């Protein structure tokens, strides 16, 4: 099953952790789906953030531009983007 199709079929806020090491050219299109399936406080870990920076640049920019999401690139191996979805806070 293609990852985009898999993400579309998942219920809202289904996963605590999502690891991406797939078709980088689709990541940006998948971002709304990824954002939807990650629980508040959940993480995404994305491989090749340094080794394929040209392919990852738009996706990384989108993650950083999404309100509340926090991210860091860890320069180990091929580089890993780690991003956390904002947790729900009590009012």
PDB file of N, CA and C in Angstrom:
ATOM      1  N   UNK A   1       0.844  -1.177   0.000  1.00  0.00           N
ATOM      2  CA  UNK A   1       0.000   0.000   0.000  1.00  0.00           C
ATOM      3  C   UNK A   1       0.893   1.244   0.000  1.00  0.00           C
ATOM      4  N   UNK A   2       0.536   2.204  -0.795  1.00  0.00           N
ATOM      5  CA  UNK A   2       1.266   3.470  -0.868  1.00  0.00           C
ATOM      6  C   UNK A   2       1.034   4.243   0.426  1.00  0.00           C
ATOM      7  N   UNK A   3       2.061   4.913   0.906  1.00  0.00           N
ATOM      8  CA  UNK A   3       2.003   5.598   2.202  1.00  0.00           C
ATOM      9  C   UNK A   3       0.909   6.660   2.256  1.00  0.00           C
ATOM     10  N   UNK A   4       0.727   7.419   1.199  1.00  0.00           N
ATOM     11  CA  UNK A   4      -0.327   8.438   1.182  1.00  0.00           C
ATOM     12  C   UNK A   4      -1.703   7.810   1.355  1.00  0.00           C
ATOM     13  N   UNK A   5      -1.947   6.684   0.681  1.00  0.00           N
ATOM     14  CA  UNK A   5      -3.224   5.979   0.827  1.00  0.00           C
ATOM     15  C   UNK A   5      -3.391   5.474   2.253  1.00  0.00           C
ATOM     16  N   UNK A   6      -2.317   4.943   2.814  1.00  0.00           N
ATOM     17  CA  UNK A   6      -2.363   4.462   4.194  1.00  0.00           C
ATOM     18  C   UNK A   6      -2.733   5.595   5.151  1.00  0.00           C
ATOM     19  N   UNK A   7      -2.077   6.738   5.007  1.00  0.00           N
ATOM     20  CA  UNK A   7      -2.342   7.877   5.886  1.00  0.00           C
ATOM     21  C   UNK A   7      -3.777   8.363   5.756  1.00  0.00           C
ATOM     22  N   UNK A   8      -4.312   8.382   4.527  1.00  0.00           N
ATOM     23  CA  UNK A   8      -5.688   8.825   4.296  1.00  0.00           C
ATOM     24  C   UNK A   8      -6.700   7.936   5.014  1.00  0.00           C
ATOM     25  N   UNK A   9      -6.394   6.661   5.149  1.00  0.00           N
ATOM     26  CA  UNK A   9      -7.319   5.694   5.756  1.00  0.00           C
ATOM     27  C   UNK A   9      -7.290   5.689   7.284  1.00  0.00           C
ATOM     28  N   UNK A  10      -6.323   6.373   7.879  1.00  0.00           N
ATOM     29  CA  UNK A  10      -6.171   6.317   9.332  1.00  0.00           C
ATOM     30  C   UNK A  10      -7.105   7.297  10.037  1.00  0.00           C
ATOM     31  N   UNK A  11      -7.578   6.899  11.216  1.00  0.00           N
ATOM     32  CA  UNK A  11      -8.409   7.817  12.007  1.00  0.00           C
ATOM     33  C   UNK A  11      -7.595   9.024  12.489  1.00  0.00           C
ATOM     34  N   UNK A  12      -8.297  10.050  12.867  1.00  0.00           N
ATOM     35  CA  UNK A  12      -7.693  11.257  13.424  1.00  0.00           C
ATOM     36  C   UNK A  12      -6.867  10.912  14.657  1.00  0.00           C
ATOM     37  N   UNK A  13      -5.699  11.521  14.755  1.00  0.00           N
ATOM     38  CA  UNK A  13      -4.817  11.394  15.923  1.00  0.00           C
ATOM     39  C   UNK A  13      -4.640   9.936  16.359  1.00  0.00           C
ATOM     40  N   UNK A  14      -4.080   9.149  15.463  1.00  0.00           N
ATOM     41  CA  UNK A  14      -3.923   7.718  15.644  1.00  0.00           C
ATOM     42  C   UNK A  14      -2.534   7.316  16.154  1.00  0.00           C
ATOM     43  N   UNK A  15      -1.485   8.075  15.829  1.00  0.00           N
ATOM     44  CA  UNK A  15      -0.121   7.633  16.082  1.00  0.00           C
ATOM     45  C   UNK A  15       0.654   8.576  16.996  1.00  0.00           C
ATOM     46  N   UNK A  16       1.448   7.972  17.890  1.00  0.00           N
ATOM     47  CA  UNK A  16       2.360   8.729  18.754  1.00  0.00           C
ATOM     48  C   UNK A  16       3.658   9.056  18.035  1.00  0.00           C
ATOM     49  N   UNK A  17       4.039   8.200  17.090  1.00  0.00           N
ATOM     50  CA  UNK A  17       5.315   8.324  16.390  1.00  0.00           C
ATOM     51  C   UNK A  17       5.136   7.885  14.952  1.00  0.00           C
ATOM     52  N   UNK A  18       5.701   8.657  14.043  1.00  0.00           N
ATOM     53  CA  UNK A  18       5.696   8.295  12.632  1.00  0.00           C
ATOM     54  C   UNK A  18       7.112   8.488  12.104  1.00  0.00           C
ATOM     55  N   UNK A  19       7.671   7.438  11.506  1.00  0.00           N
ATOM     56  CA  UNK A  19       9.002   7.497  10.918  1.00  0.00           C
ATOM     57  C   UNK A  19       8.858   7.525   9.409  1.00  0.00           C
ATOM     58  N   UNK A  20       9.429   8.535   8.778  1.00  0.00           N
ATOM     59  CA  UNK A  20       9.377   8.647   7.323  1.00  0.00           C
ATOM     60  C   UNK A  20      10.754   8.381   6.727  1.00  0.00           C
ATOM     61  N   UNK A  21      10.797   7.427   5.841  1.00  0.00           N
ATOM     62  CA  UNK A  21      11.995   7.118   5.061  1.00  0.00           C
ATOM     63  C   UNK A  21      11.483   6.503   3.772  1.00  0.00           C
ATOM     64  N   UNK A  22      10.848   7.330   2.969  1.00  0.00           N
ATOM     65  CA  UNK A  22      10.096   6.850   1.824  1.00  0.00           C
ATOM     66  C   UNK A  22      10.360   7.745   0.617  1.00  0.00           C
ATOM     67  N   UNK A  23       9.319   8.004  -0.132  1.00  0.00           N
ATOM     68  CA  UNK A  23       9.394   8.833  -1.331  1.00  0.00           C
ATOM     69  C   UNK A  23       9.364  10.305  -0.945  1.00  0.00           C
ATOM     70  N   UNK A  24      10.549  10.878  -0.767  1.00  0.00           N
ATOM     71  CA  UNK A  24      10.669  12.248  -0.267  1.00  0.00           C
ATOM     72  C   UNK A  24       9.882  13.262  -1.091  1.00  0.00           C
ATOM     73  N   UNK A  25       9.728  13.011  -2.373  1.00  0.00           N
ATOM     74  CA  UNK A  25       9.015  13.973  -3.216  1.00  0.00           C
ATOM     75  C   UNK A  25       7.527  14.068  -2.855  1.00  0.00           C
ATOM     76  N   UNK A  26       7.015  13.124  -2.067  1.00  0.00           N
ATOM     77  CA  UNK A  26       5.602  13.142  -1.662  1.00  0.00           C
ATOM     78  C   UNK A  26       5.381  13.740  -0.273  1.00  0.00           C
ATOM     79  N   UNK A  27       6.440  13.935   0.484  1.00  0.00           N
ATOM     80  CA  UNK A  27       6.283  14.363   1.880  1.00  0.00           C
ATOM     81  C   UNK A  27       5.459  15.640   2.013  1.00  0.00           C
ATOM     82  N   UNK A  28       5.713  16.610   1.190  1.00  0.00           N
ATOM     83  CA  UNK A  28       4.996  17.881   1.297  1.00  0.00           C
ATOM     84  C   UNK A  28       3.498  17.674   1.069  1.00  0.00           C
ATOM     85  N   UNK A  29       3.137  16.887   0.080  1.00  0.00           N
ATOM     86  CA  UNK A  29       1.721  16.593  -0.177  1.00  0.00           C
ATOM     87  C   UNK A  29       1.103  15.789   0.959  1.00  0.00           C
ATOM     88  N   UNK A  30       1.895  14.965   1.613  1.00  0.00           N
ATOM     89  CA  UNK A  30       1.400  14.155   2.724  1.00  0.00           C
ATOM     90  C   UNK A  30       1.290  14.945   4.024  1.00  0.00           C
ATOM     91  N   UNK A  31       1.895  16.124   4.110  1.00  0.00           N
ATOM     92  CA  UNK A  31       1.954  16.845   5.377  1.00  0.00           C
ATOM     93  C   UNK A  31       0.584  17.015   6.050  1.00  0.00           C
ATOM     94  N   UNK A  32      -0.475  17.434   5.356  1.00  0.00           N
ATOM     95  CA  UNK A  32      -1.774  17.560   6.044  1.00  0.00           C
ATOM     96  C   UNK A  32      -2.253  16.225   6.623  1.00  0.00           C
ATOM     97  N   UNK A  33      -1.953  15.140   5.942  1.00  0.00           N
ATOM     98  CA  UNK A  33      -2.340  13.810   6.433  1.00  0.00           C
ATOM     99  C   UNK A  33      -1.522  13.430   7.659  1.00  0.00           C
ATOM    100  N   UNK A  34      -0.243  13.724   7.611  1.00  0.00           N
ATOM    101  CA  UNK A  34       0.648  13.430   8.743  1.00  0.00           C
ATOM    102  C   UNK A  34       0.200  14.232   9.962  1.00  0.00           C
ATOM    103  N   UNK A  35      -0.028  15.510   9.759  1.00  0.00           N
ATOM    104  CA  UNK A  35      -0.472  16.381  10.853  1.00  0.00           C
ATOM    105  C   UNK A  35      -1.775  15.860  11.472  1.00  0.00           C
ATOM    106  N   UNK A  36      -2.648  15.332  10.649  1.00  0.00           N
ATOM    107  CA  UNK A  36      -3.946  14.844  11.107  1.00  0.00           C
ATOM    108  C   UNK A  36      -3.833  13.554  11.923  1.00  0.00           C
ATOM    109  N   UNK A  37      -2.915  12.666  11.557  1.00  0.00           N
ATOM    110  CA  UNK A  37      -2.864  11.360  12.227  1.00  0.00           C
ATOM    111  C   UNK A  37      -1.982  11.329  13.469  1.00  0.00           C
ATOM    112  N   UNK A  38      -1.142  12.337  13.670  1.00  0.00           N
ATOM    113  CA  UNK A  38      -0.269  12.372  14.847  1.00  0.00           C
ATOM    114  C   UNK A  38      -1.046  12.937  16.038  1.00  0.00           C
ATOM    115  N   UNK A  39      -0.921  12.261  17.187  1.00  0.00           N
ATOM    116  CA  UNK A  39      -1.581  12.741  18.409  1.00  0.00           C
ATOM    117  C   UNK A  39      -0.876  14.007  18.897  1.00  0.00           C
ATOM    118  N   UNK A  40      -1.583  14.869  19.625  1.00  0.00           N
ATOM    119  CA  UNK A  40      -0.902  16.007  20.255  1.00  0.00           C
ATOM    120  C   UNK A  40       0.226  15.493  21.155  1.00  0.00           C
ATOM    121  N   UNK A  41       1.387  16.085  21.018  1.00  0.00           N
ATOM    122  CA  UNK A  41       2.564  15.629  21.751  1.00  0.00           C
ATOM    123  C   UNK A  41       3.319  14.527  21.028  1.00  0.00           C
ATOM    124  N   UNK A  42       2.803  14.074  19.879  1.00  0.00           N
ATOM    125  CA  UNK A  42       3.442  13.010  19.110  1.00  0.00           C
ATOM    126  C   UNK A  42       4.612  13.518  18.279  1.00  0.00           C
ATOM    127  N   UNK A  43       5.401  12.587  17.791  1.00  0.00           N
ATOM    128  CA  UNK A  43       6.626  12.910  17.056  1.00  0.00           C
ATOM    129  C   UNK A  43       6.588  12.388  15.632  1.00  0.00           C
ATOM    130  N   UNK A  44       7.266  13.111  14.755  1.00  0.00           N
ATOM    131  CA  UNK A  44       7.639  12.542  13.467  1.00  0.00           C
ATOM    132  C   UNK A  44       9.165  12.555  13.418  1.00  0.00           C
ATOM    133  N   UNK A  45       9.707  11.517  12.830  1.00  0.00           N
ATOM    134  CA  UNK A  45      11.144  11.392  12.630  1.00  0.00           C
ATOM    135  C   UNK A  45      11.322  11.136  11.139  1.00  0.00           C
ATOM    136  N   UNK A  46      12.113  11.982  10.491  1.00  0.00           N
ATOM    137  CA  UNK A  46      12.244  11.922   9.040  1.00  0.00           C
ATOM    138  C   UNK A  46      13.716  11.780   8.669  1.00  0.00           C
ATOM    139  N   UNK A  47      14.044  10.683   7.999  1.00  0.00           N
ATOM    140  CA  UNK A  47      15.425  10.410   7.607  1.00  0.00           C
ATOM    141  C   UNK A  47      15.825  11.257   6.398  1.00  0.00           C
ATOM    142  N   UNK A  48      17.115  11.371   6.186  1.00  0.00           N
ATOM    143  CA  UNK A  48      17.721  12.038   5.024  1.00  0.00           C
ATOM    144  C   UNK A  48      17.534  13.552   4.998  1.00  0.00           C
ATOM    145  N   UNK A  49      17.382  14.159   6.160  1.00  0.00           N
ATOM    146  CA  UNK A  49      17.163  15.611   6.220  1.00  0.00           C
ATOM    147  C   UNK A  49      18.400  16.407   5.822  1.00  0.00           C
ATOM    148  N   UNK A  50      19.570  15.788   5.908  1.00  0.00           N
ATOM    149  CA  UNK A  50      20.807  16.468   5.528  1.00  0.00           C
ATOM    150  C   UNK A  50      21.318  15.948   4.185  1.00  0.00           C
ATOM    151  N   UNK A  51      21.301  14.649   4.010  1.00  0.00           N
ATOM    152  CA  UNK A  51      21.864  14.058   2.789  1.00  0.00           C
ATOM    153  C   UNK A  51      21.055  14.395   1.538  1.00  0.00           C
ATOM    154  N   UNK A  52      19.773  14.689   1.689  1.00  0.00           N
ATOM    155  CA  UNK A  52      18.913  15.027   0.557  1.00  0.00           C
ATOM    156  C   UNK A  52      18.207  16.364   0.816  1.00  0.00           C
ATOM    157  N   UNK A  53      18.978  17.325   1.246  1.00  0.00           N
ATOM    158  CA  UNK A  53      18.432  18.615   1.668  1.00  0.00           C
ATOM    159  C   UNK A  53      17.629  19.299   0.563  1.00  0.00           C
ATOM    160  N   UNK A  54      18.056  19.188  -0.685  1.00  0.00           N
ATOM    161  CA  UNK A  54      17.312  19.843  -1.772  1.00  0.00           C
ATOM    162  C   UNK A  54      15.909  19.260  -1.899  1.00  0.00           C
ATOM    163  N   UNK A  55      15.780  17.948  -1.733  1.00  0.00           N
ATOM    164  CA  UNK A  55      14.475  17.299  -1.811  1.00  0.00           C
ATOM    165  C   UNK A  55      13.630  17.568  -0.566  1.00  0.00           C
ATOM    166  N   UNK A  56      14.269  17.807   0.548  1.00  0.00           N
ATOM    167  CA  UNK A  56      13.577  17.947   1.831  1.00  0.00           C
ATOM    168  C   UNK A  56      13.264  19.405   2.191  1.00  0.00           C
ATOM    169  N   UNK A  57      13.871  20.350   1.500  1.00  0.00           N
ATOM    170  CA  UNK A  57      13.793  21.762   1.869  1.00  0.00           C
ATOM    171  C   UNK A  57      12.355  22.272   2.020  1.00  0.00           C
ATOM    172  N   UNK A  58      11.491  22.023   1.056  1.00  0.00           N
ATOM    173  CA  UNK A  58      10.111  22.513   1.122  1.00  0.00           C
ATOM    174  C   UNK A  58       9.337  21.852   2.247  1.00  0.00           C
ATOM    175  N   UNK A  59       9.548  20.563   2.448  1.00  0.00           N
ATOM    176  CA  UNK A  59       8.864  19.847   3.520  1.00  0.00           C
ATOM    177  C   UNK A  59       9.289  20.388   4.881  1.00  0.00           C
ATOM    178  N   UNK A  60      10.578  20.534   5.069  1.00  0.00           N
ATOM    179  CA  UNK A  60      11.091  21.063   6.343  1.00  0.00           C
ATOM    180  C   UNK A  60      10.537  22.461   6.595  1.00  0.00           C
ATOM    181  N   UNK A  61      10.500  23.282   5.570  1.00  0.00           N
ATOM    182  CA  UNK A  61       9.951  24.638   5.707  1.00  0.00           C
ATOM    183  C   UNK A  61       8.474  24.585   6.107  1.00  0.00           C
ATOM    184  N   UNK A  62       7.727  23.658   5.543  1.00  0.00           N
ATOM    185  CA  UNK A  62       6.305  23.540   5.884  1.00  0.00           C
ATOM    186  C   UNK A  62       6.109  23.104   7.335  1.00  0.00           C
ATOM    187  N   UNK A  63       6.901  22.140   7.769  1.00  0.00           N
ATOM    188  CA  UNK A  63       6.815  21.698   9.163  1.00  0.00           C
ATOM    189  C   UNK A  63       7.101  22.880  10.089  1.00  0.00           C
ATOM    190  N   UNK A  64       8.160  23.626   9.795  1.00  0.00           N
ATOM    191  CA  UNK A  64       8.534  24.770  10.628  1.00  0.00           C
ATOM    192  C   UNK A  64       7.473  25.868  10.594  1.00  0.00           C
ATOM    193  N   UNK A  65       6.745  25.986   9.488  1.00  0.00           N
ATOM    194  CA  UNK A  65       5.725  27.022   9.347  1.00  0.00           C
ATOM    195  C   UNK A  65       4.380  26.636   9.962  1.00  0.00           C
ATOM    196  N   UNK A  66       4.213  25.375  10.296  1.00  0.00           N
ATOM    197  CA  UNK A  66       2.946  24.922  10.866  1.00  0.00           C
ATOM    198  C   UNK A  66       2.879  25.337  12.332  1.00  0.00           C
ATOM    199  N   UNK A  67       1.848  26.083  12.660  1.00  0.00           N
ATOM    200  CA  UNK A  67       1.705  26.656  13.996  1.00  0.00           C
ATOM    201  C   UNK A  67       1.814  25.583  15.075  1.00  0.00           C
ATOM    202  N   UNK A  68       2.695  25.859  16.032  1.00  0.00           N
ATOM    203  CA  UNK A  68       2.844  25.001  17.197  1.00  0.00           C
ATOM    204  C   UNK A  68       3.869  23.890  17.055  1.00  0.00           C
ATOM    205  N   UNK A  69       4.088  23.410  15.847  1.00  0.00           N
ATOM    206  CA  UNK A  69       5.064  22.344  15.658  1.00  0.00           C
ATOM    207  C   UNK A  69       6.466  22.871  15.959  1.00  0.00           C
ATOM    208  N   UNK A  70       7.267  22.048  16.638  1.00  0.00           N
ATOM    209  CA  UNK A  70       8.669  22.385  16.934  1.00  0.00           C
ATOM    210  C   UNK A  70       9.534  21.329  16.281  1.00  0.00           C
ATOM    211  N   UNK A  71      10.659  21.725  15.730  1.00  0.00           N
ATOM    212  CA  UNK A  71      11.490  20.748  15.040  1.00  0.00           C
ATOM    213  C   UNK A  71      12.966  21.071  15.187  1.00  0.00           C
ATOM    214  N   UNK A  72      13.760  20.047  14.952  1.00  0.00           N
ATOM    215  CA  UNK A  72      15.207  20.171  14.974  1.00  0.00           C
ATOM    216  C   UNK A  72      15.766  19.156  13.977  1.00  0.00           C
ATOM    217  N   UNK A  73      16.871  19.527  13.360  1.00  0.00           N
ATOM    218  CA  UNK A  73      17.583  18.585  12.494  1.00  0.00           C
ATOM    219  C   UNK A  73      18.790  18.093  13.263  1.00  0.00           C
ATOM    220  N   UNK A  74      18.892  16.792  13.395  1.00  0.00           N
ATOM    221  CA  UNK A  74      20.002  16.168  14.101  1.00  0.00           C
ATOM    222  C   UNK A  74      20.961  15.626  13.041  1.00  0.00           C
ATOM    223  N   UNK A  75      22.190  16.148  12.993  1.00  0.00           N
ATOM    224  CA  UNK A  75      23.125  15.777  11.934  1.00  0.00           C
ATOM    225  C   UNK A  75      23.885  14.469  12.215  1.00  0.00           C
ATOM    226  N   UNK A  76      23.150  13.384  12.351  1.00  0.00           N
ATOM    227  CA  UNK A  76      23.761  12.055  12.494  1.00  0.00           C
ATOM    228  C   UNK A  76      23.386  11.239  11.267  1.00  0.00           C
ATOM    229  N   UNK A  77      24.302  10.399  10.824  1.00  0.00           N
ATOM    230  CA  UNK A  77      24.025   9.611   9.622  1.00  0.00           C
ATOM    231  C   UNK A  77      23.682  10.517   8.465  1.00  0.00           C
ATOM    232  N   UNK A  78      22.523  10.274   7.856  1.00  0.00           N
ATOM    233  CA  UNK A  78      22.052  11.100   6.738  1.00  0.00           C
ATOM    234  C   UNK A  78      21.285  12.334   7.198  1.00  0.00           C
ATOM    235  N   UNK A  79      21.240  12.532   8.503  1.00  0.00           N
ATOM    236  CA  UNK A  79      20.510  13.656   9.074  1.00  0.00           C
ATOM    237  C   UNK A  79      19.061  13.276   9.315  1.00  0.00           C
ATOM    238  N   UNK A  80      18.554  13.653  10.475  1.00  0.00           N
ATOM    239  CA  UNK A  80      17.195  13.298  10.856  1.00  0.00           C
ATOM    240  C   UNK A  80      16.456  14.561  11.297  1.00  0.00           C
ATOM    241  N   UNK A  81      15.280  14.778  10.736  1.00  0.00           N
ATOM    242  CA  UNK A  81      14.394  15.823  11.201  1.00  0.00           C
ATOM    243  C   UNK A  81      13.516  15.199  12.286  1.00  0.00           C
ATOM    244  N   UNK A  82      13.489  15.806  13.439  1.00  0.00           N
ATOM    245  CA  UNK A  82      12.611  15.375  14.520  1.00  0.00           C
ATOM    246  C   UNK A  82      11.680  16.525  14.805  1.00  0.00           C
ATOM    247  N   UNK A  83      10.375  16.258  14.759  1.00  0.00           N
ATOM    248  CA  UNK A  83       9.387  17.308  14.989  1.00  0.00           C
ATOM    249  C   UNK A  83       8.324  16.794  15.951  1.00  0.00           C
ATOM    250  N   UNK A  84       7.873  17.672  16.819  1.00  0.00           N
ATOM    251  CA  UNK A  84       6.841  17.333  17.801  1.00  0.00           C
ATOM    252  C   UNK A  84       5.613  18.207  17.561  1.00  0.00           C
ATOM    253  N   UNK A  85       4.465  17.551  17.579  1.00  0.00           N
ATOM    254  CA  UNK A  85       3.195  18.257  17.420  1.00  0.00           C
ATOM    255  C   UNK A  85       2.841  18.889  18.759  1.00  0.00           C
ATOM    256  N   UNK A  86       2.289  20.076  18.744  1.00  0.00           N
ATOM    257  CA  UNK A  86       1.955  20.720  20.014  1.00  0.00           C
ATOM    258  C   UNK A  86       0.975  19.866  20.826  1.00  0.00           C
ATOM    259  N   UNK A  87       1.230  19.790  22.105  1.00  0.00           N
ATOM    260  CA  UNK A  87       0.338  19.062  23.013  1.00  0.00           C
ATOM    261  C   UNK A  87      -0.873  19.918  23.321  1.00  0.00           C
ATOM    262  N   UNK A  88      -1.967  19.268  23.572  1.00  0.00           N
ATOM    263  CA  UNK A  88      -3.171  19.980  23.996  1.00  0.00           C
ATOM    264  C   UNK A  88      -2.970  20.419  25.426  1.00  0.00           C
ATOM    265  N   UNK A  89      -3.247  21.667  25.703  1.00  0.00           N
ATOM    266  CA  UNK A  89      -3.106  22.186  27.065  1.00  0.00           C
ATOM    267  C   UNK A  89      -4.470  22.395  27.671  1.00  0.00           C
ATOM    268  N   UNK A  90      -4.545  22.174  28.959  1.00  0.00           N
ATOM    269  CA  UNK A  90      -5.812  22.391  29.666  1.00  0.00           C
ATOM    270  C   UNK A  90      -6.117  23.885  29.740  1.00  0.00           C
ATOM    271  N   UNK A  91      -7.350  24.235  29.610  1.00  0.00           N
ATOM    272  CA  UNK A  91      -7.747  25.651  29.664  1.00  0.00           C
ATOM    273  C   UNK A  91      -8.023  26.075  31.083  1.00  0.00           C
TER     274      UNK A  91
END
